[in-house]
Amino acid sequence: MQRDIDDSGMKLNVSIVMYHTPVAELNNVLSVLLQADEVNRIYLIDNSEGQMQLPVENERIMYIFSGSNIGFGRGHNVAIRESIKAGVPFHLIMNSDIIFSAENVHEMLTYLAGHSEVACLMPNVQFPTGKPQRLCKLLPTPIDLLGRRFLPEVFIRKRNARYELQHTGYDHIMNVPALSGCFLMCRTGALQQAGLFDERFFLYCEDIDLTRRLHRVGQTLFYPNVTISHDFRRASYSSLRLMWIHMRSACQYFNKYGWFHDPERDEVNNQFIYTFNHLHI
């Protein structure tokens, strides 16, 4: 349900978790965020071994040096708790390797503020080349997460297309079971109700877990009216250490929800497919 929007209710906090983040990359993101009048605070949680010299100083930027690599979700939680404490109604979880505009922030925030049933929004995400990133997902089964990593593509192509919802066309607003945390604008109250990032996940799968829980309390929308660029590096495909972390996180996820018996997964996925098929026949 859409409602009139009071500008005083359009305050947004932003969190970026950093680990050896290039200064130029960070500067690009900060310059855009500081152009957005709705941005109240920008929290930079630095998990690197040493403190960085920020490329720009501004009273809206809060630099937090964690002193060790505390992980992606735990880092964002530091900032989300500040948003909850301060009563800031919206919170943007994002990576530093994003190309976007202040207008993108405004458009997403306006939609989110005007639709109280929505818990979070993810925009259309592309590679820098313009190729689409398929970041809308069903809730995964073990074959979805592990099979697509280790099985030959020819064996997994059809199932992967289903998992990534490729048949939807990615051209309209959809209430998707699982979204990426690379650029996720959330209602702070929904985060408080669903619970913050599960800090048992050091890296990977934490966004699937979070949006799964947000999906219980509100709509988790793919919003193609805004398009951003993401330098999606897929580091775990070139690093044995990160691959091991990725697989460990996948195992933690299935230990939490169930490997083969997960009734909620079946219900949510079937509901999405049924609704999509009946709305687009």
Protein backbone atom coordinates (compact mmCIF):
# COMPACT_ATOMS: atom_id res chain seq x y z
CA MET A 1 0.00 0.00 0.00
CA GLN A 2 1.48 3.34 -1.05
CA ARG A 3 1.17 6.37 1.20
CA ASP A 4 2.19 10.02 1.17
CA ILE A 5 5.81 10.49 2.14
CA ASP A 6 7.08 12.96 4.71
CA ASP A 7 10.65 14.01 3.90
CA SER A 8 11.52 13.81 7.60
CA GLY A 9 10.96 10.05 7.37
CA MET A 10 13.45 9.61 4.51
CA LYS A 11 16.60 9.37 6.62
CA LEU A 12 19.00 6.63 5.57
CA ASN A 13 22.13 5.21 7.14
CA VAL A 14 24.65 3.32 5.01
CA SER A 15 27.19 0.67 5.97
CA ILE A 16 30.20 -0.55 3.99
CA VAL A 17 32.45 -3.31 5.32
CA MET A 18 35.99 -2.90 4.02
CA TYR A 19 39.00 -5.18 3.76
CA HIS A 20 42.00 -3.70 1.96
CA THR A 21 39.57 -1.58 -0.04
CA PRO A 22 41.28 0.53 -2.75
CA VAL A 23 41.21 4.24 -1.84
CA ALA A 24 40.01 5.26 -5.31
CA GLU A 25 37.12 2.79 -5.14
CA LEU A 26 36.06 4.07 -1.74
CA ASN A 27 36.37 7.69 -2.88
CA ASN A 28 34.01 7.04 -5.79
CA VAL A 29 31.36 5.56 -3.50
CA LEU A 30 31.65 8.27 -0.85
CA SER A 31 31.42 11.07 -3.40
CA VAL A 32 28.06 9.69 -4.60
CA LEU A 33 26.65 9.00 -1.13
CA LEU A 34 27.55 12.49 0.07
CA GLN A 35 25.52 13.93 -2.81
CA ALA A 36 22.39 12.20 -1.49
CA ASP A 37 20.61 14.50 0.95
CA GLU A 38 18.75 11.55 2.47
CA VAL A 39 21.98 9.95 3.71
CA ASN A 40 22.29 10.60 7.43
CA ARG A 41 25.42 8.60 8.35
CA ILE A 42 27.88 6.49 6.36
CA TYR A 43 29.50 3.80 8.49
CA LEU A 44 32.82 2.46 7.21
CA ILE A 45 33.74 -0.69 9.12
CA ASP A 46 37.35 -1.49 8.32
CA ASN A 47 38.38 -5.10 8.87
CA SER A 48 41.90 -4.58 7.51
CA GLU A 49 45.06 -5.10 9.55
CA GLY A 50 45.87 -1.39 9.61
CA GLN A 51 43.83 1.79 9.58
CA MET A 52 43.32 3.58 6.30
CA GLN A 53 43.59 7.27 5.53
CA LEU A 54 40.16 8.26 4.29
CA PRO A 55 40.10 10.03 0.90
CA VAL A 56 37.53 12.54 2.19
CA GLU A 57 36.50 13.88 5.57
CA ASN A 58 32.88 14.68 6.36
CA GLU A 59 30.83 14.80 9.53
CA ARG A 60 28.44 12.23 8.06
CA ILE A 61 31.23 9.63 7.71
CA MET A 62 31.83 7.36 10.69
CA TYR A 63 35.05 5.36 10.36
CA ILE A 64 35.23 2.28 12.61
CA PHE A 65 38.46 0.29 12.71
CA SER A 66 37.62 -3.19 13.98
CA GLY A 67 41.23 -4.21 14.57
CA SER A 68 40.75 -7.63 12.98
CA ASN A 69 38.76 -9.27 10.22
CA ILE A 70 35.48 -9.78 12.08
CA GLY A 71 33.55 -10.81 8.97
CA PHE A 72 31.01 -9.28 6.62
CA GLY A 73 27.79 -9.71 8.58
CA ARG A 74 29.28 -8.89 11.96
CA GLY A 75 30.77 -5.72 10.50
CA HIS A 76 27.45 -4.55 9.07
CA ASN A 77 25.71 -5.36 12.33
CA VAL A 78 27.83 -2.74 14.10
CA ALA A 79 26.27 -0.07 11.89
CA ILE A 80 22.75 -1.55 11.81
CA ARG A 81 22.63 -1.47 15.61
CA GLU A 82 23.49 2.24 15.46
CA SER A 83 20.59 2.79 13.03
CA ILE A 84 18.24 0.96 15.39
CA LYS A 85 19.52 2.90 18.41
CA ALA A 86 19.13 6.25 16.63
CA GLY A 87 15.73 5.42 15.18
CA VAL A 88 16.89 5.92 11.58
CA PRO A 89 14.12 4.31 9.53
CA PHE A 90 16.16 2.93 6.62
CA HIS A 91 19.55 1.29 6.24
CA LEU A 92 21.53 0.55 3.07
CA ILE A 93 23.89 -2.43 3.15
CA MET A 94 26.35 -2.13 0.28
CA ASN A 95 29.74 -3.08 -1.14
CA SER A 96 32.38 -0.56 -2.12
CA ASP A 97 32.71 -1.90 -5.68
CA ILE A 98 29.41 -0.37 -6.83
CA ILE A 99 28.82 2.27 -9.50
CA PHE A 100 25.56 4.12 -8.87
CA SER A 101 24.11 7.61 -8.51
CA ALA A 102 22.48 9.73 -5.81
CA GLU A 103 19.31 9.58 -7.93
CA ASN A 104 19.37 5.76 -7.62
CA VAL A 105 19.41 6.10 -3.83
CA HIS A 106 16.57 8.62 -3.89
CA GLU A 107 14.36 6.52 -6.18
CA MET A 108 14.79 3.34 -4.14
CA LEU A 109 14.28 5.15 -0.86
CA THR A 110 11.14 6.88 -2.14
CA TYR A 111 9.65 3.53 -3.16
CA LEU A 112 10.59 1.84 0.11
CA ALA A 113 9.26 4.72 2.22
CA GLY A 114 5.99 4.65 0.28
CA HIS A 115 5.36 0.92 0.63
CA SER A 116 5.18 -0.15 4.26
CA GLU A 117 4.75 -3.82 3.33
CA VAL A 118 8.27 -3.94 1.84
CA ALA A 119 11.13 -5.07 4.09
CA CYS A 120 13.98 -4.53 1.60
CA LEU A 121 14.82 -3.67 -2.00
CA MET A 122 17.59 -4.80 -4.33
CA PRO A 123 18.03 -3.00 -7.69
CA ASN A 124 18.84 -4.48 -11.07
CA VAL A 125 22.57 -5.26 -10.95
CA GLN A 126 24.89 -5.45 -13.96
CA PHE A 127 28.55 -6.18 -14.55
CA PRO A 128 30.60 -3.14 -15.64
CA THR A 129 30.27 -4.53 -19.20
CA GLY A 130 26.49 -4.21 -19.00
CA LYS A 131 25.92 -7.97 -18.74
CA PRO A 132 23.18 -8.75 -16.19
CA GLN A 133 23.99 -10.36 -12.86
CA ARG A 134 21.41 -12.97 -11.89
CA LEU A 135 21.17 -12.18 -8.19
CA CYS A 136 17.52 -13.08 -7.59
CA LYS A 137 17.40 -16.58 -6.16
CA LEU A 138 15.12 -19.24 -4.81
CA LEU A 139 16.04 -20.57 -1.38
CA PRO A 140 18.88 -22.99 -2.21
CA THR A 141 19.09 -26.74 -1.93
CA PRO A 142 22.51 -28.39 -1.48
CA ILE A 143 22.70 -29.17 -5.20
CA ASP A 144 22.05 -25.48 -5.99
CA LEU A 145 24.93 -24.19 -3.88
CA LEU A 146 27.40 -27.05 -4.08
CA GLY A 147 26.53 -28.56 -7.45
CA ARG A 148 26.88 -25.32 -9.38
CA ARG A 149 30.36 -25.00 -7.92
CA PHE A 150 31.71 -28.49 -8.58
CA LEU A 151 29.60 -30.11 -11.32
CA PRO A 152 30.19 -29.46 -15.04
CA GLU A 153 27.97 -26.66 -16.32
CA VAL A 154 26.21 -28.95 -18.79
CA PHE A 155 24.81 -31.02 -15.90
CA ILE A 156 23.63 -28.07 -13.83
CA ARG A 157 22.52 -25.56 -16.49
CA LYS A 158 18.77 -26.19 -16.29
CA ARG A 159 18.68 -26.33 -12.51
CA ASN A 160 20.86 -23.24 -12.21
CA ALA A 161 18.51 -21.32 -14.53
CA ARG A 162 15.62 -22.22 -12.22
CA TYR A 163 17.59 -21.30 -9.08
CA GLU A 164 18.53 -17.90 -10.56
CA LEU A 165 14.96 -17.31 -11.77
CA GLN A 166 16.19 -16.68 -15.29
CA HIS A 167 12.72 -17.41 -16.72
CA THR A 168 11.35 -14.27 -15.06
CA GLY A 169 13.21 -11.98 -17.45
CA TYR A 170 14.40 -9.71 -14.62
CA ASP A 171 12.21 -6.93 -16.08
CA HIS A 172 9.56 -6.29 -13.41
CA ILE A 173 9.23 -5.93 -9.65
CA MET A 174 9.26 -9.33 -7.92
CA ASN A 175 8.96 -10.52 -4.33
CA VAL A 176 12.03 -12.79 -4.35
CA PRO A 177 12.94 -15.32 -1.59
CA ALA A 178 16.69 -14.55 -1.59
CA LEU A 179 18.56 -11.40 -2.66
CA SER A 180 22.19 -10.31 -2.77
CA GLY A 181 23.68 -8.14 -0.05
CA CYS A 182 25.83 -6.15 -2.48
CA PHE A 183 23.29 -3.28 -2.48
CA LEU A 184 20.35 -3.97 -0.21
CA MET A 185 18.16 -1.14 1.07
CA CYS A 186 16.26 -2.23 4.17
CA ARG A 187 13.60 -0.97 6.51
CA THR A 188 15.36 -0.79 9.87
CA GLY A 189 12.28 -1.99 11.72
CA ALA A 190 12.16 -5.09 9.52
CA LEU A 191 15.81 -5.82 10.34
CA GLN A 192 15.04 -5.45 14.02
CA GLN A 193 12.04 -7.77 13.70
CA ALA A 194 13.73 -10.43 11.55
CA GLY A 195 17.09 -10.27 13.30
CA LEU A 196 20.37 -8.89 12.05
CA PHE A 197 23.06 -10.78 10.16
CA ASP A 198 23.80 -14.16 11.72
CA GLU A 199 27.38 -13.65 12.87
CA ARG A 200 28.18 -17.34 12.62
CA PHE A 201 28.62 -16.73 8.88
CA PHE A 202 32.03 -15.18 8.40
CA LEU A 203 31.61 -14.62 4.67
CA TYR A 204 29.15 -15.92 2.03
CA CYS A 205 25.54 -17.11 2.49
CA GLU A 206 24.87 -14.48 5.14
CA ASP A 207 22.76 -12.48 2.69
CA ILE A 208 20.70 -15.55 1.75
CA ASP A 209 20.09 -16.17 5.44
CA LEU A 210 19.20 -12.52 6.14
CA THR A 211 16.81 -12.03 3.22
CA ARG A 212 15.18 -15.39 3.97
CA ARG A 213 14.29 -14.08 7.43
CA LEU A 214 13.27 -10.65 6.09
CA HIS A 215 10.96 -12.45 3.66
CA ARG A 216 9.04 -13.74 6.69
CA VAL A 217 8.20 -10.22 7.92
CA GLY A 218 7.70 -8.34 4.64
CA GLN A 219 8.29 -8.31 0.93
CA THR A 220 11.87 -8.71 -0.29
CA LEU A 221 11.71 -7.01 -3.65
CA PHE A 222 13.79 -6.99 -6.80
CA TYR A 223 13.40 -3.43 -8.10
CA PRO A 224 14.46 -3.16 -11.77
CA ASN A 225 13.48 0.52 -12.05
CA VAL A 226 16.99 1.24 -10.77
CA THR A 227 20.10 -0.27 -12.37
CA ILE A 228 23.57 -0.21 -10.81
CA SER A 229 26.94 -1.70 -11.74
CA HIS A 230 28.79 -4.17 -9.51
CA ASP A 231 32.35 -5.37 -10.07
CA PHE A 232 31.36 -8.88 -8.94
CA ARG A 233 34.81 -10.47 -8.53
CA ARG A 234 33.76 -13.97 -7.39
CA ALA A 235 37.00 -14.21 -5.42
CA SER A 236 36.21 -17.68 -4.08
CA TYR A 237 36.60 -19.04 -7.62
CA SER A 238 40.28 -18.04 -7.69
CA SER A 239 41.30 -18.55 -4.05
CA LEU A 240 41.43 -21.93 -2.31
CA ARG A 241 41.10 -20.23 1.08
CA LEU A 242 37.98 -18.33 0.04
CA MET A 243 36.57 -21.43 -1.62
CA TRP A 244 36.92 -23.27 1.69
CA ILE A 245 35.21 -20.38 3.52
CA HIS A 246 32.42 -20.42 0.93
CA MET A 247 31.86 -24.16 1.34
CA ARG A 248 31.97 -23.88 5.12
CA SER A 249 29.31 -21.15 5.00
CA ALA A 250 27.14 -23.30 2.74
CA CYS A 251 27.40 -26.15 5.24
CA GLN A 252 26.53 -23.78 8.10
CA TYR A 253 23.49 -22.60 6.16
CA PHE A 254 22.18 -26.13 5.60
CA ASN A 255 22.98 -27.14 9.16
CA LYS A 256 20.80 -24.22 10.26
CA TYR A 257 17.80 -24.81 7.97
CA GLY A 258 18.07 -28.43 6.90
CA TRP A 259 19.94 -30.15 4.10
CA PHE A 260 17.15 -32.13 2.47
CA HIS A 261 14.20 -31.59 4.80
CA ASP A 262 13.40 -27.87 4.78
CA PRO A 263 9.60 -27.35 4.64
CA GLU A 264 9.89 -23.56 4.70
CA ARG A 265 12.17 -23.66 1.65
CA ASP A 266 9.71 -25.83 -0.26
CA GLU A 267 6.75 -23.65 0.66
CA VAL A 268 8.45 -20.32 -0.15
CA ASN A 269 9.92 -21.52 -3.45
CA ASN A 270 6.69 -23.15 -4.59
CA GLN A 271 4.72 -20.04 -3.66
CA PHE A 272 7.02 -17.83 -5.72
CA ILE A 273 6.83 -20.10 -8.77
CA TYR A 274 3.03 -20.47 -8.48
CA THR A 275 2.50 -16.71 -8.09
CA PHE A 276 4.83 -15.84 -10.96
CA ASN A 277 3.28 -18.38 -13.32
CA HIS A 278 -0.27 -17.19 -12.60
CA LEU A 279 0.57 -13.50 -12.90
CA HIS A 280 2.46 -13.90 -16.18
CA ILE A 281 0.41 -16.33 -18.24
